[in-house]
């Protein structure tokens, strides 16, 4: 195992590797901050053009809609970051060079967890801050979310993106493929999860699906903007499902990193 100072250097190196990928950073920024700016700009232009037909861009209802959009597109950005952190070295042929230096494989894997997560949370926090600011500043007299709802929603976004990132980096490390990881998780996020949320009376363990469980943590007001679901999971069940996904992905990714041929 490496010392704390060495571990910190590895984390910093992983952050540098991610943020210097200009295409990746540009895509992540567009999916988070970019979509938020565009969405609110369109709503505000519509309001200015025809106030009688289109209400103000801010307010509680648009906050709910924007938060739902944030989780959908923001999670894709987080998946891109996690898949790149987990399998980027393999795809670039850099993993062999790292192993030859004698660095601990477990330390190399462990450094990917906080490094990409830090980048993902910075982008998610910036996007949520824009949503919160636009919600209040562009309300035009409409009701706005309470400070408590804003805080609860922000904490939920942090939990949401953290879970998605950790699953993505673990799965990418296991599969050794960035593209396969992105395809699997984006498909799960955008196709499978919404369908399972809307289907009622389906006798399958929907509670075990990552996106279904994490949505159960959202504030009730925010949940109203998501696809309807007849599920009602306890806090303990939600925690068990999310911890199970993260633990399985991280342990599998660490095991594969340790045993993979250089």
C-alpha atoms as a PDB file:
ATOM      1  CA  UNK A   1       0.000   0.000   0.000  1.00  0.00           C
ATOM      2  CA  UNK A   2       1.139   3.563  -0.641  1.00  0.00           C
ATOM      3  CA  UNK A   3       1.484   6.347   1.899  1.00  0.00           C
ATOM      4  CA  UNK A   4      -1.208   9.027   2.272  1.00  0.00           C
ATOM      5  CA  UNK A   5       0.964  11.519   0.380  1.00  0.00           C
ATOM      6  CA  UNK A   6       1.434   9.064  -2.490  1.00  0.00           C
ATOM      7  CA  UNK A   7      -2.289   8.333  -2.515  1.00  0.00           C
ATOM      8  CA  UNK A   8      -3.028  12.056  -2.722  1.00  0.00           C
ATOM      9  CA  UNK A   9      -0.613  12.424  -5.634  1.00  0.00           C
ATOM     10  CA  UNK A  10      -2.358   9.561  -7.442  1.00  0.00           C
ATOM     11  CA  UNK A  11      -5.736  11.223  -6.929  1.00  0.00           C
ATOM     12  CA  UNK A  12      -4.410  14.525  -8.257  1.00  0.00           C
ATOM     13  CA  UNK A  13      -2.905  12.745 -11.263  1.00  0.00           C
ATOM     14  CA  UNK A  14      -6.249  11.088 -12.008  1.00  0.00           C
ATOM     15  CA  UNK A  15      -8.016  14.457 -11.821  1.00  0.00           C
ATOM     16  CA  UNK A  16      -5.491  15.958 -14.237  1.00  0.00           C
ATOM     17  CA  UNK A  17      -5.979  13.052 -16.650  1.00  0.00           C
ATOM     18  CA  UNK A  18      -9.730  13.629 -16.673  1.00  0.00           C
ATOM     19  CA  UNK A  19      -9.796  17.415 -16.958  1.00  0.00           C
ATOM     20  CA  UNK A  20      -7.187  17.456 -19.733  1.00  0.00           C
ATOM     21  CA  UNK A  21      -9.477  15.359 -21.937  1.00  0.00           C
ATOM     22  CA  UNK A  22     -11.010  18.344 -23.686  1.00  0.00           C
ATOM     23  CA  UNK A  23     -13.674  16.382 -25.531  1.00  0.00           C
ATOM     24  CA  UNK A  24     -14.817  14.662 -22.348  1.00  0.00           C
ATOM     25  CA  UNK A  25     -14.929  17.892 -20.347  1.00  0.00           C
ATOM     26  CA  UNK A  26     -16.760  19.716 -23.145  1.00  0.00           C
ATOM     27  CA  UNK A  27     -19.377  16.971 -23.373  1.00  0.00           C
ATOM     28  CA  UNK A  28     -19.849  16.910 -19.594  1.00  0.00           C
ATOM     29  CA  UNK A  29     -20.192  20.702 -19.400  1.00  0.00           C
ATOM     30  CA  UNK A  30     -22.693  20.768 -22.272  1.00  0.00           C
ATOM     31  CA  UNK A  31     -24.785  18.012 -20.671  1.00  0.00           C
ATOM     32  CA  UNK A  32     -24.891  19.816 -17.333  1.00  0.00           C
ATOM     33  CA  UNK A  33     -24.335  23.570 -17.342  1.00  0.00           C
ATOM     34  CA  UNK A  34     -25.004  23.984 -21.065  1.00  0.00           C
ATOM     35  CA  UNK A  35     -28.412  22.320 -21.089  1.00  0.00           C
ATOM     36  CA  UNK A  36     -29.495  24.274 -18.023  1.00  0.00           C
ATOM     37  CA  UNK A  37     -28.558  27.609 -19.567  1.00  0.00           C
ATOM     38  CA  UNK A  38     -30.275  26.734 -22.849  1.00  0.00           C
ATOM     39  CA  UNK A  39     -33.435  25.456 -21.162  1.00  0.00           C
ATOM     40  CA  UNK A  40     -33.925  28.536 -19.008  1.00  0.00           C
ATOM     41  CA  UNK A  41     -32.985  30.862 -21.854  1.00  0.00           C
ATOM     42  CA  UNK A  42     -35.704  29.322 -24.028  1.00  0.00           C
ATOM     43  CA  UNK A  43     -38.290  29.544 -21.241  1.00  0.00           C
ATOM     44  CA  UNK A  44     -37.432  33.176 -20.563  1.00  0.00           C
ATOM     45  CA  UNK A  45     -37.517  34.127 -24.266  1.00  0.00           C
ATOM     46  CA  UNK A  46     -40.908  32.467 -24.635  1.00  0.00           C
ATOM     47  CA  UNK A  47     -42.175  34.385 -21.620  1.00  0.00           C
ATOM     48  CA  UNK A  48     -40.850  37.707 -22.904  1.00  0.00           C
ATOM     49  CA  UNK A  49     -42.342  37.063 -26.331  1.00  0.00           C
ATOM     50  CA  UNK A  50     -45.817  36.126 -25.092  1.00  0.00           C
ATOM     51  CA  UNK A  51     -46.294  36.590 -21.330  1.00  0.00           C
ATOM     52  CA  UNK A  52     -49.991  35.753 -21.548  1.00  0.00           C
ATOM     53  CA  UNK A  53     -49.315  32.302 -22.981  1.00  0.00           C
ATOM     54  CA  UNK A  54     -45.980  31.441 -21.383  1.00  0.00           C
ATOM     55  CA  UNK A  55     -45.376  32.001 -17.689  1.00  0.00           C
ATOM     56  CA  UNK A  56     -42.084  33.071 -16.069  1.00  0.00           C
ATOM     57  CA  UNK A  57     -39.103  30.756 -16.446  1.00  0.00           C
ATOM     58  CA  UNK A  58     -38.664  30.363 -12.693  1.00  0.00           C
ATOM     59  CA  UNK A  59     -40.934  29.082  -9.977  1.00  0.00           C
ATOM     60  CA  UNK A  60     -41.454  25.769  -8.250  1.00  0.00           C
ATOM     61  CA  UNK A  61     -42.903  23.839 -11.187  1.00  0.00           C
ATOM     62  CA  UNK A  62     -40.046  24.739 -13.514  1.00  0.00           C
ATOM     63  CA  UNK A  63     -37.638  23.904 -10.692  1.00  0.00           C
ATOM     64  CA  UNK A  64     -39.127  20.417 -10.531  1.00  0.00           C
ATOM     65  CA  UNK A  65     -38.880  20.032 -14.302  1.00  0.00           C
ATOM     66  CA  UNK A  66     -35.298  21.330 -14.369  1.00  0.00           C
ATOM     67  CA  UNK A  67     -34.270  19.019 -11.534  1.00  0.00           C
ATOM     68  CA  UNK A  68     -35.654  16.031 -13.413  1.00  0.00           C
ATOM     69  CA  UNK A  69     -33.716  17.135 -16.515  1.00  0.00           C
ATOM     70  CA  UNK A  70     -30.615  17.597 -14.380  1.00  0.00           C
ATOM     71  CA  UNK A  71     -30.729  14.018 -13.136  1.00  0.00           C
ATOM     72  CA  UNK A  72     -31.270  12.595 -16.627  1.00  0.00           C
ATOM     73  CA  UNK A  73     -28.635  14.512 -18.589  1.00  0.00           C
ATOM     74  CA  UNK A  74     -26.368  15.112 -15.614  1.00  0.00           C
ATOM     75  CA  UNK A  75     -26.190  11.398 -14.897  1.00  0.00           C
ATOM     76  CA  UNK A  76     -25.081  10.787 -18.497  1.00  0.00           C
ATOM     77  CA  UNK A  77     -22.212  13.240 -17.951  1.00  0.00           C
ATOM     78  CA  UNK A  78     -21.311  11.410 -14.747  1.00  0.00           C
ATOM     79  CA  UNK A  79     -21.410   8.059 -16.567  1.00  0.00           C
ATOM     80  CA  UNK A  80     -19.005   9.454 -19.179  1.00  0.00           C
ATOM     81  CA  UNK A  81     -16.627  10.544 -16.417  1.00  0.00           C
ATOM     82  CA  UNK A  82     -16.884   7.247 -14.538  1.00  0.00           C
ATOM     83  CA  UNK A  83     -16.414   5.112 -17.640  1.00  0.00           C
ATOM     84  CA  UNK A  84     -13.374   7.160 -18.657  1.00  0.00           C
ATOM     85  CA  UNK A  85     -11.847   7.022 -15.181  1.00  0.00           C
ATOM     86  CA  UNK A  86     -12.388   3.270 -14.970  1.00  0.00           C
ATOM     87  CA  UNK A  87     -11.291   2.181 -18.444  1.00  0.00           C
ATOM     88  CA  UNK A  88      -9.441   5.163 -19.915  1.00  0.00           C
ATOM     89  CA  UNK A  89      -5.961   3.867 -19.052  1.00  0.00           C
ATOM     90  CA  UNK A  90      -6.699   0.500 -20.653  1.00  0.00           C
ATOM     91  CA  UNK A  91      -8.066   2.059 -23.817  1.00  0.00           C
ATOM     92  CA  UNK A  92      -5.022   4.295 -24.159  1.00  0.00           C
ATOM     93  CA  UNK A  93      -2.580   1.476 -23.424  1.00  0.00           C
ATOM     94  CA  UNK A  94      -1.375   3.353 -20.349  1.00  0.00           C
ATOM     95  CA  UNK A  95      -2.296   0.712 -17.756  1.00  0.00           C
ATOM     96  CA  UNK A  96       0.757  -1.447 -18.537  1.00  0.00           C
ATOM     97  CA  UNK A  97       3.066   1.516 -17.988  1.00  0.00           C
ATOM     98  CA  UNK A  98       1.524   2.243 -14.597  1.00  0.00           C
ATOM     99  CA  UNK A  99       1.879  -1.366 -13.478  1.00  0.00           C
ATOM    100  CA  UNK A 100       5.505  -1.572 -14.608  1.00  0.00           C
ATOM    101  CA  UNK A 101       6.386   1.342 -12.326  1.00  0.00           C
ATOM    102  CA  UNK A 102       5.553  -0.887  -9.361  1.00  0.00           C
ATOM    103  CA  UNK A 103       2.578   1.103  -8.126  1.00  0.00           C
ATOM    104  CA  UNK A 104      -0.037  -0.819  -6.181  1.00  0.00           C
ATOM    105  CA  UNK A 105      -2.887  -1.842  -8.463  1.00  0.00           C
ATOM    106  CA  UNK A 106      -5.343  -1.418  -5.650  1.00  0.00           C
ATOM    107  CA  UNK A 107      -4.044   2.101  -5.030  1.00  0.00           C
ATOM    108  CA  UNK A 108      -4.406   2.888  -8.731  1.00  0.00           C
ATOM    109  CA  UNK A 109      -8.021   1.763  -8.653  1.00  0.00           C
ATOM    110  CA  UNK A 110      -8.764   3.521  -5.365  1.00  0.00           C
ATOM    111  CA  UNK A 111      -7.465   6.823  -6.767  1.00  0.00           C
ATOM    112  CA  UNK A 112     -10.116   6.712  -9.500  1.00  0.00           C
ATOM    113  CA  UNK A 113     -12.956   6.832  -6.966  1.00  0.00           C
ATOM    114  CA  UNK A 114     -12.485  10.293  -5.366  1.00  0.00           C
ATOM    115  CA  UNK A 115     -10.829  11.897  -8.404  1.00  0.00           C
ATOM    116  CA  UNK A 116     -13.620  11.535 -10.938  1.00  0.00           C
ATOM    117  CA  UNK A 117     -16.237  11.923  -8.227  1.00  0.00           C
ATOM    118  CA  UNK A 118     -14.809  15.344  -7.370  1.00  0.00           C
ATOM    119  CA  UNK A 119     -15.065  16.440 -11.010  1.00  0.00           C
ATOM    120  CA  UNK A 120     -18.595  15.044 -11.322  1.00  0.00           C
ATOM    121  CA  UNK A 121     -19.815  16.759  -8.160  1.00  0.00           C
ATOM    122  CA  UNK A 122     -18.304  20.119  -9.133  1.00  0.00           C
ATOM    123  CA  UNK A 123     -20.215  20.039 -12.435  1.00  0.00           C
ATOM    124  CA  UNK A 124     -23.413  18.826 -10.762  1.00  0.00           C
ATOM    125  CA  UNK A 125     -23.158  21.480  -8.051  1.00  0.00           C
ATOM    126  CA  UNK A 126     -22.637  24.215 -10.645  1.00  0.00           C
ATOM    127  CA  UNK A 127     -25.634  22.994 -12.617  1.00  0.00           C
ATOM    128  CA  UNK A 128     -27.855  22.822  -9.538  1.00  0.00           C
ATOM    129  CA  UNK A 129     -26.722  26.284  -8.436  1.00  0.00           C
ATOM    130  CA  UNK A 130     -27.824  27.649 -11.828  1.00  0.00           C
ATOM    131  CA  UNK A 131     -31.172  25.901 -11.517  1.00  0.00           C
ATOM    132  CA  UNK A 132     -31.724  27.251  -7.999  1.00  0.00           C
ATOM    133  CA  UNK A 133     -30.713  30.793  -8.994  1.00  0.00           C
ATOM    134  CA  UNK A 134     -32.913  30.808 -12.103  1.00  0.00           C
ATOM    135  CA  UNK A 135     -35.805  29.384 -10.105  1.00  0.00           C
ATOM    136  CA  UNK A 136     -35.747  32.358  -7.742  1.00  0.00           C
ATOM    137  CA  UNK A 137     -34.529  35.193  -9.981  1.00  0.00           C
ATOM    138  CA  UNK A 138     -36.848  34.391 -12.898  1.00  0.00           C
ATOM    139  CA  UNK A 139     -39.910  33.532 -10.815  1.00  0.00           C
ATOM    140  CA  UNK A 140     -41.773  36.699 -11.781  1.00  0.00           C
ATOM    141  CA  UNK A 141     -44.062  36.507  -8.771  1.00  0.00           C
ATOM    142  CA  UNK A 142     -44.663  32.755  -8.972  1.00  0.00           C
ATOM    143  CA  UNK A 143     -44.187  30.541  -5.926  1.00  0.00           C
ATOM    144  CA  UNK A 144     -40.588  29.461  -5.406  1.00  0.00           C
ATOM    145  CA  UNK A 145     -39.122  26.452  -3.554  1.00  0.00           C
ATOM    146  CA  UNK A 146     -38.457  26.902   0.131  1.00  0.00           C
ATOM    147  CA  UNK A 147     -34.827  26.978   1.333  1.00  0.00           C
ATOM    148  CA  UNK A 148     -35.410  23.575   2.931  1.00  0.00           C
ATOM    149  CA  UNK A 149     -36.550  22.094  -0.408  1.00  0.00           C
ATOM    150  CA  UNK A 150     -33.531  23.563  -2.183  1.00  0.00           C
ATOM    151  CA  UNK A 151     -31.154  22.071   0.392  1.00  0.00           C
ATOM    152  CA  UNK A 152     -32.889  18.679   0.330  1.00  0.00           C
ATOM    153  CA  UNK A 153     -32.841  18.604  -3.455  1.00  0.00           C
ATOM    154  CA  UNK A 154     -29.179  19.587  -3.564  1.00  0.00           C
ATOM    155  CA  UNK A 155     -28.200  16.837  -1.129  1.00  0.00           C
ATOM    156  CA  UNK A 156     -30.241  14.337  -3.119  1.00  0.00           C
ATOM    157  CA  UNK A 157     -28.457  15.349  -6.325  1.00  0.00           C
ATOM    158  CA  UNK A 158     -25.107  14.772  -4.596  1.00  0.00           C
ATOM    159  CA  UNK A 159     -26.212  11.288  -3.502  1.00  0.00           C
ATOM    160  CA  UNK A 160     -27.645  10.521  -6.945  1.00  0.00           C
ATOM    161  CA  UNK A 161     -24.516  11.503  -8.871  1.00  0.00           C
ATOM    162  CA  UNK A 162     -22.194   9.850  -6.358  1.00  0.00           C
ATOM    163  CA  UNK A 163     -23.956   6.500  -6.714  1.00  0.00           C
ATOM    164  CA  UNK A 164     -24.028   6.707 -10.520  1.00  0.00           C
ATOM    165  CA  UNK A 165     -20.335   7.630 -10.704  1.00  0.00           C
ATOM    166  CA  UNK A 166     -19.160   4.870  -8.367  1.00  0.00           C
ATOM    167  CA  UNK A 167     -21.170   2.252 -10.265  1.00  0.00           C
ATOM    168  CA  UNK A 168     -19.809   3.545 -13.584  1.00  0.00           C
ATOM    169  CA  UNK A 169     -16.145   3.512 -12.535  1.00  0.00           C
ATOM    170  CA  UNK A 170     -16.471   0.058 -10.991  1.00  0.00           C
ATOM    171  CA  UNK A 171     -18.250  -1.413 -14.011  1.00  0.00           C
ATOM    172  CA  UNK A 172     -15.772   0.172 -16.439  1.00  0.00           C
ATOM    173  CA  UNK A 173     -12.850  -1.241 -14.474  1.00  0.00           C
ATOM    174  CA  UNK A 174     -14.488  -4.669 -14.541  1.00  0.00           C
ATOM    175  CA  UNK A 175     -15.352  -4.677 -18.247  1.00  0.00           C
ATOM    176  CA  UNK A 176     -12.259  -2.813 -19.395  1.00  0.00           C
ATOM    177  CA  UNK A 177     -14.371  -1.008 -21.979  1.00  0.00           C
ATOM    178  CA  UNK A 178     -15.462   2.623 -21.843  1.00  0.00           C
ATOM    179  CA  UNK A 179     -17.978   2.319 -24.682  1.00  0.00           C
ATOM    180  CA  UNK A 180     -19.664  -0.812 -23.337  1.00  0.00           C
ATOM    181  CA  UNK A 181     -20.027   0.716 -19.889  1.00  0.00           C
ATOM    182  CA  UNK A 182     -21.566   3.889 -21.317  1.00  0.00           C
ATOM    183  CA  UNK A 183     -23.992   1.909 -23.491  1.00  0.00           C
ATOM    184  CA  UNK A 184     -25.130  -0.301 -20.607  1.00  0.00           C
ATOM    185  CA  UNK A 185     -25.611   2.439 -18.022  1.00  0.00           C
ATOM    186  CA  UNK A 186     -27.123   5.038 -20.350  1.00  0.00           C
ATOM    187  CA  UNK A 187     -29.548   2.408 -21.599  1.00  0.00           C
ATOM    188  CA  UNK A 188     -30.445   1.517 -18.025  1.00  0.00           C
ATOM    189  CA  UNK A 189     -30.855   5.171 -17.105  1.00  0.00           C
ATOM    190  CA  UNK A 190     -32.825   6.459 -20.100  1.00  0.00           C
ATOM    191  CA  UNK A 191     -34.694   3.392 -21.343  1.00  0.00           C
ATOM    192  CA  UNK A 192     -35.163   0.715 -18.705  1.00  0.00           C
ATOM    193  CA  UNK A 193     -35.701   2.813 -15.576  1.00  0.00           C
ATOM    194  CA  UNK A 194     -38.463   5.135 -16.939  1.00  0.00           C
ATOM    195  CA  UNK A 195     -40.392   2.155 -18.317  1.00  0.00           C
ATOM    196  CA  UNK A 196     -40.240   0.287 -15.019  1.00  0.00           C
ATOM    197  CA  UNK A 197     -41.326   3.395 -13.130  1.00  0.00           C
ATOM    198  CA  UNK A 198     -44.431   3.818 -15.248  1.00  0.00           C
ATOM    199  CA  UNK A 199     -45.577   0.206 -15.429  1.00  0.00           C
ATOM    200  CA  UNK A 200     -47.989  -0.630 -12.611  1.00  0.00           C
ATOM    201  CA  UNK A 201     -48.706  -4.078 -11.236  1.00  0.00           C
ATOM    202  CA  UNK A 202     -45.600  -5.586 -12.785  1.00  0.00           C
ATOM    203  CA  UNK A 203     -44.512  -8.587 -10.721  1.00  0.00           C
ATOM    204  CA  UNK A 204     -40.782  -8.133 -11.060  1.00  0.00           C
ATOM    205  CA  UNK A 205     -38.318  -6.787  -8.469  1.00  0.00           C
ATOM    206  CA  UNK A 206     -38.260  -3.211  -9.778  1.00  0.00           C
ATOM    207  CA  UNK A 207     -36.948  -2.094  -6.430  1.00  0.00           C
ATOM    208  CA  UNK A 208     -33.581  -3.597  -7.333  1.00  0.00           C
ATOM    209  CA  UNK A 209     -33.118  -1.250 -10.312  1.00  0.00           C
ATOM    210  CA  UNK A 210     -30.622   1.503  -9.508  1.00  0.00           C
ATOM    211  CA  UNK A 211     -32.587   4.414 -10.978  1.00  0.00           C
ATOM    212  CA  UNK A 212     -35.871   3.319  -9.411  1.00  0.00           C
ATOM    213  CA  UNK A 213     -34.355   3.093  -5.939  1.00  0.00           C
ATOM    214  CA  UNK A 214     -32.448   6.376  -6.087  1.00  0.00           C
ATOM    215  CA  UNK A 215     -35.567   8.269  -7.208  1.00  0.00           C
ATOM    216  CA  UNK A 216     -37.296   7.121  -4.040  1.00  0.00           C
ATOM    217  CA  UNK A 217     -34.875   9.353  -2.125  1.00  0.00           C
ATOM    218  CA  UNK A 218     -35.975  12.517  -3.935  1.00  0.00           C
ATOM    219  CA  UNK A 219     -38.111  15.096  -2.115  1.00  0.00           C
ATOM    220  CA  UNK A 220     -41.797  14.431  -2.745  1.00  0.00           C
ATOM    221  CA  UNK A 221     -42.210  17.676  -4.675  1.00  0.00           C
ATOM    222  CA  UNK A 222     -39.403  16.677  -7.032  1.00  0.00           C
ATOM    223  CA  UNK A 223     -40.774  13.169  -7.465  1.00  0.00           C
ATOM    224  CA  UNK A 224     -43.909  14.713  -8.913  1.00  0.00           C
ATOM    225  CA  UNK A 225     -41.881  15.681 -11.981  1.00  0.00           C
ATOM    226  CA  UNK A 226     -40.684  12.138 -12.598  1.00  0.00           C
ATOM    227  CA  UNK A 227     -42.534   9.273 -14.290  1.00  0.00           C
ATOM    228  CA  UNK A 228     -45.259   7.996 -11.987  1.00  0.00           C
ATOM    229  CA  UNK A 229     -44.450   4.998  -9.854  1.00  0.00           C
ATOM    230  CA  UNK A 230     -46.585   2.872  -7.559  1.00  0.00           C
ATOM    231  CA  UNK A 231     -43.568   1.841  -5.495  1.00  0.00           C
ATOM    232  CA  UNK A 232     -43.135   2.840  -1.877  1.00  0.00           C
ATOM    233  CA  UNK A 233     -39.780   1.668  -0.585  1.00  0.00           C
ATOM    234  CA  UNK A 234     -38.627   2.041   2.995  1.00  0.00           C
ATOM    235  CA  UNK A 235     -35.483   4.012   3.729  1.00  0.00           C
ATOM    236  CA  UNK A 236     -33.739   0.810   4.759  1.00  0.00           C
ATOM    237  CA  UNK A 237     -34.636  -0.912   1.486  1.00  0.00           C
ATOM    238  CA  UNK A 238     -33.435   2.074  -0.548  1.00  0.00           C
ATOM    239  CA  UNK A 239     -30.129   2.140   1.334  1.00  0.00           C
ATOM    240  CA  UNK A 240     -29.668  -1.617   0.883  1.00  0.00           C
ATOM    241  CA  UNK A 241     -30.228  -1.423  -2.875  1.00  0.00           C
ATOM    242  CA  UNK A 242     -27.897   1.543  -3.397  1.00  0.00           C
ATOM    243  CA  UNK A 243     -25.159   0.185  -1.146  1.00  0.00           C
ATOM    244  CA  UNK A 244     -25.498  -3.163  -2.906  1.00  0.00           C
ATOM    245  CA  UNK A 245     -25.021  -1.614  -6.365  1.00  0.00           C
ATOM    246  CA  UNK A 246     -22.043   0.483  -5.277  1.00  0.00           C
ATOM    247  CA  UNK A 247     -20.377  -2.298  -3.294  1.00  0.00           C
ATOM    248  CA  UNK A 248     -20.805  -4.858  -6.071  1.00  0.00           C
ATOM    249  CA  UNK A 249     -19.436  -2.501  -8.740  1.00  0.00           C
ATOM    250  CA  UNK A 250     -16.494  -1.237  -6.676  1.00  0.00           C
ATOM    251  CA  UNK A 251     -15.455  -4.667  -5.388  1.00  0.00           C
ATOM    252  CA  UNK A 252     -15.722  -6.196  -8.873  1.00  0.00           C
ATOM    253  CA  UNK A 253     -13.757  -3.313 -10.393  1.00  0.00           C
ATOM    254  CA  UNK A 254     -11.039  -3.539  -7.744  1.00  0.00           C
ATOM    255  CA  UNK A 255     -10.763  -7.321  -8.167  1.00  0.00           C
ATOM    256  CA  UNK A 256     -10.434  -7.060 -11.940  1.00  0.00           C
ATOM    257  CA  UNK A 257      -7.834  -4.298 -11.666  1.00  0.00           C
ATOM    258  CA  UNK A 258      -5.732  -6.413  -9.311  1.00  0.00           C
ATOM    259  CA  UNK A 259      -5.974  -9.587 -11.402  1.00  0.00           C
ATOM    260  CA  UNK A 260      -5.919  -8.121 -14.948  1.00  0.00           C
ATOM    261  CA  UNK A 261      -2.921  -8.960 -17.099  1.00  0.00           C
ATOM    262  CA  UNK A 262      -0.796  -5.899 -17.755  1.00  0.00           C
END
